[in-house]
Amino acid sequence: MIIKAAIKHKGKVYTGERHSHILSDADTVHGLGFGGLKLGKQGFVNHKGTFLTRDEAAVEAFRCRQIKRMPEKVLTSEDLW
């Protein structure tokens, strides 16, 4: 089950409700400077705390019935909540 949006950057995973919130918090919360996470890999974290790419998360969300059909492009947090 997908529980949070996430961005993985330099081996560390940053989480939040939406990817845009994580990006905006990069400077104020994480001290990474403006746009510090833009080069990170966007994805999601599941209930086990595992980082999943958007494609991997789409499969898990569909399997867990969090979404009714696979997304046409990539899974977004808006698809989930």
PDB file of N, CA and C in Angstrom:
ATOM      1  N   MET A   1       0.847  -1.179   0.000  1.00  0.00           N
ATOM      2  CA  MET A   1       0.000   0.000   0.000  1.00  0.00           C
ATOM      3  C   MET A   1       0.892   1.241   0.000  1.00  0.00           C
ATOM      4  N   ILE A   2       0.543   2.188  -0.857  1.00  0.00           N
ATOM      5  CA  ILE A   2       1.295   3.437  -0.946  1.00  0.00           C
ATOM      6  C   ILE A   2       0.827   4.368   0.170  1.00  0.00           C
ATOM      7  N   ILE A   3       1.792   4.952   0.907  1.00  0.00           N
ATOM      8  CA  ILE A   3       1.392   5.819   2.020  1.00  0.00           C
ATOM      9  C   ILE A   3       1.855   7.266   1.875  1.00  0.00           C
ATOM     10  N   LYS A   4       2.918   7.520   1.075  1.00  0.00           N
ATOM     11  CA  LYS A   4       3.413   8.896   0.940  1.00  0.00           C
ATOM     12  C   LYS A   4       4.092   9.095  -0.404  1.00  0.00           C
ATOM     13  N   ALA A   5       4.063  10.329  -0.867  1.00  0.00           N
ATOM     14  CA  ALA A   5       4.890  10.719  -2.007  1.00  0.00           C
ATOM     15  C   ALA A   5       6.326  10.796  -1.506  1.00  0.00           C
ATOM     16  N   ALA A   6       7.284  10.585  -2.404  1.00  0.00           N
ATOM     17  CA  ALA A   6       8.683  10.600  -1.973  1.00  0.00           C
ATOM     18  C   ALA A   6       9.602  11.044  -3.104  1.00  0.00           C
ATOM     19  N   ILE A   7      10.744  11.583  -2.711  1.00  0.00           N
ATOM     20  CA  ILE A   7      11.815  11.910  -3.650  1.00  0.00           C
ATOM     21  C   ILE A   7      13.099  11.334  -3.071  1.00  0.00           C
ATOM     22  N   LYS A   8      13.792  10.547  -3.880  1.00  0.00           N
ATOM     23  CA  LYS A   8      15.062   9.951  -3.462  1.00  0.00           C
ATOM     24  C   LYS A   8      16.192  10.742  -4.101  1.00  0.00           C
ATOM     25  N   HIS A   9      17.090  11.263  -3.253  1.00  0.00           N
ATOM     26  CA  HIS A   9      18.187  12.105  -3.733  1.00  0.00           C
ATOM     27  C   HIS A   9      19.447  11.778  -2.947  1.00  0.00           C
ATOM     28  N   LYS A  10      20.474  11.386  -3.663  1.00  0.00           N
ATOM     29  CA  LYS A  10      21.772  11.058  -3.054  1.00  0.00           C
ATOM     30  C   LYS A  10      21.628  10.046  -1.914  1.00  0.00           C
ATOM     31  N   GLY A  11      20.815   9.022  -2.158  1.00  0.00           N
ATOM     32  CA  GLY A  11      20.664   7.937  -1.195  1.00  0.00           C
ATOM     33  C   GLY A  11      19.699   8.182  -0.057  1.00  0.00           C
ATOM     34  N   LYS A  12      19.143   9.382   0.041  1.00  0.00           N
ATOM     35  CA  LYS A  12      18.204   9.704   1.115  1.00  0.00           C
ATOM     36  C   LYS A  12      16.810   9.886   0.528  1.00  0.00           C
ATOM     37  N   VAL A  13      15.798   9.456   1.268  1.00  0.00           N
ATOM     38  CA  VAL A  13      14.416   9.552   0.815  1.00  0.00           C
ATOM     39  C   VAL A  13      13.693  10.622   1.632  1.00  0.00           C
ATOM     40  N   TYR A  14      13.100  11.579   0.926  1.00  0.00           N
ATOM     41  CA  TYR A  14      12.326  12.669   1.531  1.00  0.00           C
ATOM     42  C   TYR A  14      10.856  12.403   1.214  1.00  0.00           C
ATOM     43  N   THR A  15       9.984  12.535   2.210  1.00  0.00           N
ATOM     44  CA  THR A  15       8.577  12.203   2.006  1.00  0.00           C
ATOM     45  C   THR A  15       7.661  13.377   2.323  1.00  0.00           C
ATOM     46  N   GLY A  16       6.451  13.282   1.806  1.00  0.00           N
ATOM     47  CA  GLY A  16       5.426  14.286   2.046  1.00  0.00           C
ATOM     48  C   GLY A  16       4.123  13.854   1.408  1.00  0.00           C
ATOM     49  N   GLU A  17       3.105  14.692   1.546  1.00  0.00           N
ATOM     50  CA  GLU A  17       1.805  14.359   0.972  1.00  0.00           C
ATOM     51  C   GLU A  17       1.833  14.439  -0.553  1.00  0.00           C
ATOM     52  N   ARG A  18       2.550  15.433  -1.071  1.00  0.00           N
ATOM     53  CA  ARG A  18       2.653  15.631  -2.524  1.00  0.00           C
ATOM     54  C   ARG A  18       4.107  15.907  -2.876  1.00  0.00           C
ATOM     55  N   HIS A  19       4.483  15.582  -4.104  1.00  0.00           N
ATOM     56  CA  HIS A  19       5.854  15.843  -4.554  1.00  0.00           C
ATOM     57  C   HIS A  19       6.160  17.340  -4.525  1.00  0.00           C
ATOM     58  N   SER A  20       5.176  18.157  -4.876  1.00  0.00           N
ATOM     59  CA  SER A  20       5.393  19.612  -4.875  1.00  0.00           C
ATOM     60  C   SER A  20       5.681  20.124  -3.467  1.00  0.00           C
ATOM     61  N   HIS A  21       5.070  19.523  -2.452  1.00  0.00           N
ATOM     62  CA  HIS A  21       5.332  19.928  -1.062  1.00  0.00           C
ATOM     63  C   HIS A  21       6.756  19.562  -0.663  1.00  0.00           C
ATOM     64  N   ILE A  22       7.207  18.400  -1.084  1.00  0.00           N
ATOM     65  CA  ILE A  22       8.577  17.976  -0.772  1.00  0.00           C
ATOM     66  C   ILE A  22       9.568  18.927  -1.421  1.00  0.00           C
ATOM     67  N   LEU A  23       9.316  19.281  -2.680  1.00  0.00           N
ATOM     68  CA  LEU A  23      10.209  20.203  -3.388  1.00  0.00           C
ATOM     69  C   LEU A  23      10.237  21.574  -2.726  1.00  0.00           C
ATOM     70  N   SER A  24       9.070  22.067  -2.305  1.00  0.00           N
ATOM     71  CA  SER A  24       9.039  23.394  -1.680  1.00  0.00           C
ATOM     72  C   SER A  24       9.685  23.382  -0.293  1.00  0.00           C
ATOM     73  N   ASP A  25       9.688  22.224   0.360  1.00  0.00           N
ATOM     74  CA  ASP A  25      10.325  22.098   1.674  1.00  0.00           C
ATOM     75  C   ASP A  25      11.829  21.855   1.589  1.00  0.00           C
ATOM     76  N   ALA A  26      12.353  21.676   0.394  1.00  0.00           N
ATOM     77  CA  ALA A  26      13.775  21.337   0.235  1.00  0.00           C
ATOM     78  C   ALA A  26      14.683  22.333   0.944  1.00  0.00           C
ATOM     79  N   ASP A  27      14.361  23.601   0.863  1.00  0.00           N
ATOM     80  CA  ASP A  27      15.197  24.631   1.484  1.00  0.00           C
ATOM     81  C   ASP A  27      14.833  24.830   2.949  1.00  0.00           C
ATOM     82  N   THR A  28      13.567  25.109   3.226  1.00  0.00           N
ATOM     83  CA  THR A  28      13.167  25.484   4.578  1.00  0.00           C
ATOM     84  C   THR A  28      13.246  24.344   5.585  1.00  0.00           C
ATOM     85  N   VAL A  29      12.873  23.139   5.184  1.00  0.00           N
ATOM     86  CA  VAL A  29      12.847  22.011   6.114  1.00  0.00           C
ATOM     87  C   VAL A  29      14.133  21.189   6.053  1.00  0.00           C
ATOM     88  N   HIS A  30      14.614  20.952   4.840  1.00  0.00           N
ATOM     89  CA  HIS A  30      15.746  20.041   4.668  1.00  0.00           C
ATOM     90  C   HIS A  30      17.090  20.744   4.487  1.00  0.00           C
ATOM     91  N   GLY A  31      17.068  22.085   4.320  1.00  0.00           N
ATOM     92  CA  GLY A  31      18.299  22.850   4.181  1.00  0.00           C
ATOM     93  C   GLY A  31      19.112  22.522   2.940  1.00  0.00           C
ATOM     94  N   LEU A  32      18.429  22.166   1.870  1.00  0.00           N
ATOM     95  CA  LEU A  32      19.124  21.773   0.643  1.00  0.00           C
ATOM     96  C   LEU A  32      19.232  22.898  -0.376  1.00  0.00           C
ATOM     97  N   GLY A  33      18.742  24.073  -0.043  1.00  0.00           N
ATOM     98  CA  GLY A  33      18.763  25.177  -0.995  1.00  0.00           C
ATOM     99  C   GLY A  33      17.587  25.081  -1.948  1.00  0.00           C
ATOM    100  N   PHE A  34      17.266  26.207  -2.565  1.00  0.00           N
ATOM    101  CA  PHE A  34      16.129  26.256  -3.487  1.00  0.00           C
ATOM    102  C   PHE A  34      16.343  25.264  -4.625  1.00  0.00           C
ATOM    103  N   GLY A  35      15.395  24.419  -4.846  1.00  0.00           N
ATOM    104  CA  GLY A  35      15.486  23.436  -5.922  1.00  0.00           C
ATOM    105  C   GLY A  35      16.433  22.291  -5.637  1.00  0.00           C
ATOM    106  N   GLY A  36      16.811  22.116  -4.391  1.00  0.00           N
ATOM    107  CA  GLY A  36      17.797  21.107  -4.032  1.00  0.00           C
ATOM    108  C   GLY A  36      17.409  19.674  -4.328  1.00  0.00           C
ATOM    109  N   LEU A  37      16.128  19.399  -4.491  1.00  0.00           N
ATOM    110  CA  LEU A  37      15.688  18.034  -4.758  1.00  0.00           C
ATOM    111  C   LEU A  37      15.215  17.824  -6.191  1.00  0.00           C
ATOM    112  N   LYS A  38      15.297  18.851  -7.022  1.00  0.00           N
ATOM    113  CA  LYS A  38      14.768  18.731  -8.385  1.00  0.00           C
ATOM    114  C   LYS A  38      15.440  17.627  -9.192  1.00  0.00           C
ATOM    115  N   LEU A  39      16.682  17.300  -8.872  1.00  0.00           N
ATOM    116  CA  LEU A  39      17.384  16.247  -9.604  1.00  0.00           C
ATOM    117  C   LEU A  39      17.122  14.858  -9.027  1.00  0.00           C
ATOM    118  N   GLY A  40      16.364  14.804  -7.938  1.00  0.00           N
ATOM    119  CA  GLY A  40      16.064  13.519  -7.312  1.00  0.00           C
ATOM    120  C   GLY A  40      15.056  12.714  -8.109  1.00  0.00           C
ATOM    121  N   LYS A  41      14.960  11.434  -7.788  1.00  0.00           N
ATOM    122  CA  LYS A  41      14.023  10.519  -8.429  1.00  0.00           C
ATOM    123  C   LYS A  41      12.700  10.564  -7.685  1.00  0.00           C
ATOM    124  N   GLN A  42      11.629  10.935  -8.398  1.00  0.00           N
ATOM    125  CA  GLN A  42      10.321  11.008  -7.763  1.00  0.00           C
ATOM    126  C   GLN A  42       9.656   9.638  -7.748  1.00  0.00           C
ATOM    127  N   GLY A  43       9.008   9.349  -6.633  1.00  0.00           N
ATOM    128  CA  GLY A  43       8.305   8.086  -6.483  1.00  0.00           C
ATOM    129  C   GLY A  43       7.406   8.129  -5.265  1.00  0.00           C
ATOM    130  N   PHE A  44       7.282   6.998  -4.597  1.00  0.00           N
ATOM    131  CA  PHE A  44       6.411   6.880  -3.435  1.00  0.00           C
ATOM    132  C   PHE A  44       7.045   5.928  -2.432  1.00  0.00           C
ATOM    133  N   VAL A  45       6.539   5.954  -1.203  1.00  0.00           N
ATOM    134  CA  VAL A  45       6.956   5.018  -0.168  1.00  0.00           C
ATOM    135  C   VAL A  45       5.747   4.153   0.174  1.00  0.00           C
ATOM    136  N   ASN A  46       5.990   2.855   0.321  1.00  0.00           N
ATOM    137  CA  ASN A  46       4.890   1.967   0.689  1.00  0.00           C
ATOM    138  C   ASN A  46       4.821   1.764   2.204  1.00  0.00           C
ATOM    139  N   HIS A  47       3.883   0.953   2.642  1.00  0.00           N
ATOM    140  CA  HIS A  47       3.654   0.728   4.076  1.00  0.00           C
ATOM    141  C   HIS A  47       4.833   0.053   4.772  1.00  0.00           C
ATOM    142  N   LYS A  48       5.755  -0.507   4.010  1.00  0.00           N
ATOM    143  CA  LYS A  48       6.954  -1.121   4.587  1.00  0.00           C
ATOM    144  C   LYS A  48       8.125  -0.149   4.651  1.00  0.00           C
ATOM    145  N   GLY A  49       7.902   1.079   4.136  1.00  0.00           N
ATOM    146  CA  GLY A  49       8.969   2.071   4.127  1.00  0.00           C
ATOM    147  C   GLY A  49       9.898   1.963   2.932  1.00  0.00           C
ATOM    148  N   THR A  50       9.514   1.177   1.942  1.00  0.00           N
ATOM    149  CA  THR A  50      10.327   0.971   0.748  1.00  0.00           C
ATOM    150  C   THR A  50      10.039   2.046  -0.286  1.00  0.00           C
ATOM    151  N   PHE A  51      11.104   2.643  -0.852  1.00  0.00           N
ATOM    152  CA  PHE A  51      10.937   3.613  -1.927  1.00  0.00           C
ATOM    153  C   PHE A  51      10.609   2.866  -3.212  1.00  0.00           C
ATOM    154  N   LEU A  52       9.575   3.328  -3.914  1.00  0.00           N
ATOM    155  CA  LEU A  52       9.173   2.762  -5.198  1.00  0.00           C
ATOM    156  C   LEU A  52       9.166   3.863  -6.247  1.00  0.00           C
ATOM    157  N   THR A  53       9.624   3.557  -7.458  1.00  0.00           N
ATOM    158  CA  THR A  53       9.523   4.523  -8.548  1.00  0.00           C
ATOM    159  C   THR A  53       8.045   4.733  -8.856  1.00  0.00           C
ATOM    160  N   ARG A  54       7.747   5.730  -9.663  1.00  0.00           N
ATOM    161  CA  ARG A  54       6.347   5.970 -10.026  1.00  0.00           C
ATOM    162  C   ARG A  54       5.737   4.740 -10.708  1.00  0.00           C
ATOM    163  N   ASP A  55       6.505   4.081 -11.571  1.00  0.00           N
ATOM    164  CA  ASP A  55       6.001   2.886 -12.257  1.00  0.00           C
ATOM    165  C   ASP A  55       5.761   1.739 -11.280  1.00  0.00           C
ATOM    166  N   GLU A  56       6.708   1.496 -10.393  1.00  0.00           N
ATOM    167  CA  GLU A  56       6.550   0.438  -9.389  1.00  0.00           C
ATOM    168  C   GLU A  56       5.375   0.738  -8.463  1.00  0.00           C
ATOM    169  N   ALA A  57       5.229   1.998  -8.087  1.00  0.00           N
ATOM    170  CA  ALA A  57       4.142   2.400  -7.191  1.00  0.00           C
ATOM    171  C   ALA A  57       2.785   2.238  -7.860  1.00  0.00           C
ATOM    172  N   ALA A  58       2.710   2.484  -9.160  1.00  0.00           N
ATOM    173  CA  ALA A  58       1.444   2.315  -9.880  1.00  0.00           C
ATOM    174  C   ALA A  58       0.988   0.862  -9.811  1.00  0.00           C
ATOM    175  N   VAL A  59       1.917  -0.062 -10.004  1.00  0.00           N
ATOM    176  CA  VAL A  59       1.588  -1.489  -9.930  1.00  0.00           C
ATOM    177  C   VAL A  59       1.113  -1.846  -8.523  1.00  0.00           C
ATOM    178  N   GLU A  60       1.818  -1.368  -7.509  1.00  0.00           N
ATOM    179  CA  GLU A  60       1.424  -1.676  -6.127  1.00  0.00           C
ATOM    180  C   GLU A  60       0.079  -1.039  -5.773  1.00  0.00           C
ATOM    181  N   ALA A  61      -0.143   0.200  -6.181  1.00  0.00           N
ATOM    182  CA  ALA A  61      -1.415   0.867  -5.886  1.00  0.00           C
ATOM    183  C   ALA A  61      -2.582   0.143  -6.550  1.00  0.00           C
ATOM    184  N   PHE A  62      -2.376  -0.330  -7.772  1.00  0.00           N
ATOM    185  CA  PHE A  62      -3.421  -1.079  -8.475  1.00  0.00           C
ATOM    186  C   PHE A  62      -3.666  -2.415  -7.769  1.00  0.00           C
ATOM    187  N   ARG A  63      -2.594  -3.103  -7.405  1.00  0.00           N
ATOM    188  CA  ARG A  63      -2.697  -4.392  -6.718  1.00  0.00           C
ATOM    189  C   ARG A  63      -3.416  -4.251  -5.377  1.00  0.00           C
ATOM    190  N   CYS A  64      -3.166  -3.140  -4.679  1.00  0.00           N
ATOM    191  CA  CYS A  64      -3.788  -2.889  -3.369  1.00  0.00           C
ATOM    192  C   CYS A  64      -5.146  -2.203  -3.485  1.00  0.00           C
ATOM    193  N   ARG A  65      -5.597  -1.989  -4.711  1.00  0.00           N
ATOM    194  CA  ARG A  65      -6.896  -1.363  -4.999  1.00  0.00           C
ATOM    195  C   ARG A  65      -6.993   0.076  -4.513  1.00  0.00           C
ATOM    196  N   GLN A  66      -5.848   0.762  -4.512  1.00  0.00           N
ATOM    197  CA  GLN A  66      -5.858   2.190  -4.193  1.00  0.00           C
ATOM    198  C   GLN A  66      -6.265   3.002  -5.418  1.00  0.00           C
ATOM    199  N   ILE A  67      -6.054   2.420  -6.595  1.00  0.00           N
ATOM    200  CA  ILE A  67      -6.512   3.028  -7.846  1.00  0.00           C
ATOM    201  C   ILE A  67      -7.301   1.966  -8.604  1.00  0.00           C
ATOM    202  N   LYS A  68      -8.266   2.405  -9.418  1.00  0.00           N
ATOM    203  CA  LYS A  68      -9.138   1.459 -10.125  1.00  0.00           C
ATOM    204  C   LYS A  68      -8.540   0.964 -11.431  1.00  0.00           C
ATOM    205  N   ARG A  69      -7.652   1.775 -12.021  1.00  0.00           N
ATOM    206  CA  ARG A  69      -6.999   1.370 -13.272  1.00  0.00           C
ATOM    207  C   ARG A  69      -5.594   1.950 -13.300  1.00  0.00           C
ATOM    208  N   MET A  70      -4.760   1.346 -14.100  1.00  0.00           N
ATOM    209  CA  MET A  70      -3.385   1.820 -14.231  1.00  0.00           C
ATOM    210  C   MET A  70      -3.388   3.197 -14.898  1.00  0.00           C
ATOM    211  N   PRO A  71      -2.542   4.116 -14.442  1.00  0.00           N
ATOM    212  CA  PRO A  71      -2.480   5.450 -15.052  1.00  0.00           C
ATOM    213  C   PRO A  71      -1.943   5.369 -16.481  1.00  0.00           C
ATOM    214  N   GLU A  72      -2.399   6.301 -17.327  1.00  0.00           N
ATOM    215  CA  GLU A  72      -1.947   6.330 -18.718  1.00  0.00           C
ATOM    216  C   GLU A  72      -0.478   6.703 -18.819  1.00  0.00           C
ATOM    217  N   LYS A  73      -0.020   7.590 -17.953  1.00  0.00           N
ATOM    218  CA  LYS A  73       1.386   8.018 -17.989  1.00  0.00           C
ATOM    219  C   LYS A  73       2.090   7.547 -16.732  1.00  0.00           C
ATOM    220  N   VAL A  74       2.142   8.371 -15.716  1.00  0.00           N
ATOM    221  CA  VAL A  74       2.794   8.006 -14.454  1.00  0.00           C
ATOM    222  C   VAL A  74       1.820   8.212 -13.304  1.00  0.00           C
ATOM    223  N   LEU A  75       2.054   7.500 -12.224  1.00  0.00           N
ATOM    224  CA  LEU A  75       1.240   7.662 -11.025  1.00  0.00           C
ATOM    225  C   LEU A  75       1.573   8.991 -10.363  1.00  0.00           C
ATOM    226  N   THR A  76       0.544   9.729  -9.968  1.00  0.00           N
ATOM    227  CA  THR A  76       0.730  10.980  -9.241  1.00  0.00           C
ATOM    228  C   THR A  76       0.022  10.866  -7.892  1.00  0.00           C
ATOM    229  N   SER A  77       0.389  11.716  -6.974  1.00  0.00           N
ATOM    230  CA  SER A  77      -0.269  11.685  -5.667  1.00  0.00           C
ATOM    231  C   SER A  77      -1.751  12.026  -5.803  1.00  0.00           C
ATOM    232  N   GLU A  78      -2.094  12.818  -6.802  1.00  0.00           N
ATOM    233  CA  GLU A  78      -3.504  13.156  -7.032  1.00  0.00           C
ATOM    234  C   GLU A  78      -4.314  11.920  -7.422  1.00  0.00           C
ATOM    235  N   ASP A  79      -3.669  10.918  -8.012  1.00  0.00           N
ATOM    236  CA  ASP A  79      -4.360   9.665  -8.337  1.00  0.00           C
ATOM    237  C   ASP A  79      -4.757   8.910  -7.072  1.00  0.00           C
ATOM    238  N   LEU A  80      -4.007   9.125  -6.005  1.00  0.00           N
ATOM    239  CA  LEU A  80      -4.197   8.365  -4.768  1.00  0.00           C
ATOM    240  C   LEU A  80      -5.035   9.090  -3.726  1.00  0.00           C
ATOM    241  N   TRP A  81      -4.822  10.394  -3.548  1.00  0.00           N
ATOM    242  CA  TRP A  81      -5.516  11.168  -2.516  1.00  0.00           C
ATOM    243  C   TRP A  81      -5.643  12.602  -2.902  1.00  0.00           C
TER     244      TRP A  81
END
